Amino acid sequence: MTQQSWKYVLYSVMTLGLMLVIGGVGLAMFTDISVSMGVQGVQIIAGIIGLGLLLLVPSKIMLTLILMKASSNDPKTTKEK
């Protein structure tokens, strides 16, 4: 895969992770799933948020490394001494 396609995939995974986290927090705040379902409801909410964080954090790190590598290889950004 090219570097541009990796960026696109990582941005997509990061967006999906962020949406899962926001959805899990929304479930916890605006529904009574944790009260009506008890422990199982809390586990579902925690699983959704956990999966979102599991997608979000590594994709941010990988994207940062890819962008840093691209900027270090770019001759316009390197300083000549």
Protein backbone atom coordinates (compact mmCIF):
# COMPACT_ATOMS: atom_id res chain seq x y z
CA MET A 1 0.00 0.00 0.00
CA THR A 2 1.15 3.50 -0.66
CA GLN A 3 1.61 6.07 2.05
CA GLN A 4 -1.47 7.98 0.92
CA SER A 5 -3.68 4.91 1.16
CA TRP A 6 -2.32 4.14 4.66
CA LYS A 7 -3.25 7.67 5.72
CA TYR A 8 -6.78 7.20 4.38
CA VAL A 9 -7.21 3.85 6.16
CA LEU A 10 -5.85 5.19 9.45
CA TYR A 11 -8.04 8.30 9.31
CA SER A 12 -11.05 6.03 8.69
CA VAL A 13 -10.17 3.73 11.60
CA MET A 14 -9.59 6.75 13.84
CA THR A 15 -12.98 8.21 12.86
CA LEU A 16 -14.70 4.89 13.51
CA GLY A 17 -13.06 4.65 16.93
CA LEU A 18 -14.10 8.19 17.81
CA MET A 19 -17.68 7.47 16.75
CA LEU A 20 -17.76 4.34 18.93
CA VAL A 21 -16.48 6.28 21.94
CA ILE A 22 -19.04 9.05 21.39
CA GLY A 23 -21.79 6.47 20.89
CA GLY A 24 -20.84 4.64 24.09
CA VAL A 25 -20.79 7.84 26.11
CA GLY A 26 -24.12 8.78 24.57
CA LEU A 27 -25.58 5.43 25.59
CA ALA A 28 -24.32 5.93 29.13
CA MET A 29 -25.63 9.49 29.44
CA PHE A 30 -28.88 9.57 27.50
CA THR A 31 -30.35 6.09 27.92
CA ASP A 32 -31.15 3.95 30.92
CA ILE A 33 -29.57 0.81 29.47
CA SER A 34 -27.19 0.55 32.41
CA VAL A 35 -30.10 0.68 34.87
CA SER A 36 -32.59 -1.50 32.99
CA MET A 37 -30.11 -4.21 31.99
CA GLY A 38 -27.94 -4.03 35.10
CA VAL A 39 -24.40 -5.34 34.92
CA GLN A 40 -24.86 -6.58 31.35
CA GLY A 41 -25.82 -3.05 30.22
CA VAL A 42 -22.70 -1.60 31.83
CA GLN A 43 -20.60 -4.28 30.14
CA ILE A 44 -22.09 -3.43 26.75
CA ILE A 45 -21.37 0.28 27.20
CA ALA A 46 -17.85 -0.41 28.46
CA GLY A 47 -17.25 -2.79 25.53
CA ILE A 48 -18.33 -0.18 22.98
CA ILE A 49 -16.14 2.51 24.54
CA GLY A 50 -13.23 0.09 24.95
CA LEU A 51 -13.43 -1.01 21.32
CA GLY A 52 -13.51 2.62 20.24
CA LEU A 53 -10.41 3.42 22.27
CA LEU A 54 -8.71 0.30 20.98
CA LEU A 55 -9.22 1.56 17.43
CA LEU A 56 -8.52 5.21 18.19
CA VAL A 57 -5.22 5.19 20.08
CA PRO A 58 -3.03 2.89 17.92
CA SER A 59 -4.25 4.52 14.71
CA LYS A 60 -3.26 7.95 16.05
CA ILE A 61 0.21 6.68 16.92
CA MET A 62 0.68 5.01 13.53
CA LEU A 63 -0.58 8.09 11.70
CA THR A 64 1.81 10.31 13.65
CA LEU A 65 4.74 8.04 12.80
CA ILE A 66 3.81 7.98 9.11
CA LEU A 67 3.49 11.76 8.97
CA MET A 68 6.78 12.25 10.81
CA LYS A 69 8.53 9.88 8.41
CA ALA A 70 7.06 11.73 5.44
CA SER A 71 8.19 15.10 6.75
CA SER A 72 11.71 13.84 7.49
CA ASN A 73 12.02 12.47 3.94
CA ASP A 74 10.73 15.69 2.37
CA PRO A 75 13.71 17.74 1.13
CA LYS A 76 11.76 21.00 1.48
CA THR A 77 11.42 20.64 5.24
CA THR A 78 14.96 19.55 6.04
CA LYS A 79 17.36 22.28 7.05
CA GLU A 80 20.78 22.48 5.50
CA LYS A 81 23.66 23.34 7.78
